[in-house]
């Protein structure tokens, strides 16, 4: 569990992480996409989620 927490903290700080795992590769790619969009000035919209009846 501590290893997973350390990995997630490294990803959140944008530090290099080993990318041998498919999930880590996916998370890294998603972070890069978000960072790229923010650097390009694209705004992220907020979404309101309400439970259905």
C-alpha atoms as a PDB file:
ATOM      1  CA  UNK A   1       0.000   0.000   0.000  1.00  0.00           C
ATOM      2  CA  UNK A   2       2.819   2.411   0.839  1.00  0.00           C
ATOM      3  CA  UNK A   3       4.342   1.797  -2.598  1.00  0.00           C
ATOM      4  CA  UNK A   4       1.056   2.714  -4.292  1.00  0.00           C
ATOM      5  CA  UNK A   5       0.747   5.885  -2.228  1.00  0.00           C
ATOM      6  CA  UNK A   6       4.327   6.861  -3.068  1.00  0.00           C
ATOM      7  CA  UNK A   7       3.681   6.267  -6.776  1.00  0.00           C
ATOM      8  CA  UNK A   8       0.497   8.359  -6.753  1.00  0.00           C
ATOM      9  CA  UNK A   9       2.242  11.149  -4.872  1.00  0.00           C
ATOM     10  CA  UNK A  10       5.070  11.130  -7.417  1.00  0.00           C
ATOM     11  CA  UNK A  11       2.556  11.334 -10.257  1.00  0.00           C
ATOM     12  CA  UNK A  12       0.752  14.224  -8.588  1.00  0.00           C
ATOM     13  CA  UNK A  13       4.048  16.095  -8.243  1.00  0.00           C
ATOM     14  CA  UNK A  14       4.816  15.367 -11.923  1.00  0.00           C
ATOM     15  CA  UNK A  15       7.968  13.478 -10.953  1.00  0.00           C
ATOM     16  CA  UNK A  16       9.337  10.754 -13.227  1.00  0.00           C
ATOM     17  CA  UNK A  17       7.967   7.329 -12.386  1.00  0.00           C
ATOM     18  CA  UNK A  18       8.695   3.861 -13.789  1.00  0.00           C
ATOM     19  CA  UNK A  19       6.254   3.187 -16.624  1.00  0.00           C
ATOM     20  CA  UNK A  20       6.500  -0.596 -16.871  1.00  0.00           C
ATOM     21  CA  UNK A  21       2.883  -0.965 -15.700  1.00  0.00           C
ATOM     22  CA  UNK A  22      -0.008  -0.286 -18.101  1.00  0.00           C
ATOM     23  CA  UNK A  23      -2.015   1.581 -15.447  1.00  0.00           C
ATOM     24  CA  UNK A  24       0.919   3.840 -14.590  1.00  0.00           C
ATOM     25  CA  UNK A  25       1.417   4.521 -18.310  1.00  0.00           C
ATOM     26  CA  UNK A  26      -2.258   5.451 -18.635  1.00  0.00           C
ATOM     27  CA  UNK A  27      -2.167   7.764 -15.602  1.00  0.00           C
ATOM     28  CA  UNK A  28       0.999   9.437 -16.904  1.00  0.00           C
ATOM     29  CA  UNK A  29      -0.586   9.966 -20.319  1.00  0.00           C
ATOM     30  CA  UNK A  30      -3.728  11.463 -18.754  1.00  0.00           C
ATOM     31  CA  UNK A  31      -1.626  13.848 -16.661  1.00  0.00           C
ATOM     32  CA  UNK A  32       0.312  14.909 -19.768  1.00  0.00           C
ATOM     33  CA  UNK A  33      -2.949  15.538 -21.652  1.00  0.00           C
ATOM     34  CA  UNK A  34      -4.364  17.680 -18.843  1.00  0.00           C
ATOM     35  CA  UNK A  35      -1.115  19.617 -18.463  1.00  0.00           C
ATOM     36  CA  UNK A  36      -0.966  20.176 -22.221  1.00  0.00           C
ATOM     37  CA  UNK A  37      -4.564  21.436 -22.338  1.00  0.00           C
ATOM     38  CA  UNK A  38      -3.955  23.797 -19.429  1.00  0.00           C
ATOM     39  CA  UNK A  39      -0.751  25.109 -21.019  1.00  0.00           C
ATOM     40  CA  UNK A  40      -2.664  25.723 -24.252  1.00  0.00           C
ATOM     41  CA  UNK A  41      -5.182  27.832 -22.343  1.00  0.00           C
ATOM     42  CA  UNK A  42      -8.073  25.436 -22.637  1.00  0.00           C
ATOM     43  CA  UNK A  43     -10.426  25.669 -19.692  1.00  0.00           C
ATOM     44  CA  UNK A  44     -11.880  22.669 -18.004  1.00  0.00           C
ATOM     45  CA  UNK A  45     -15.586  22.951 -17.322  1.00  0.00           C
ATOM     46  CA  UNK A  46     -17.067  21.857 -14.063  1.00  0.00           C
ATOM     47  CA  UNK A  47     -19.763  19.236 -14.175  1.00  0.00           C
ATOM     48  CA  UNK A  48     -22.558  18.879 -11.670  1.00  0.00           C
ATOM     49  CA  UNK A  49     -23.599  15.325 -10.965  1.00  0.00           C
ATOM     50  CA  UNK A  50     -26.936  14.770  -9.289  1.00  0.00           C
ATOM     51  CA  UNK A  51     -28.276  11.396  -8.243  1.00  0.00           C
ATOM     52  CA  UNK A  52     -31.226  10.057 -10.196  1.00  0.00           C
ATOM     53  CA  UNK A  53     -34.469   9.254  -8.436  1.00  0.00           C
END
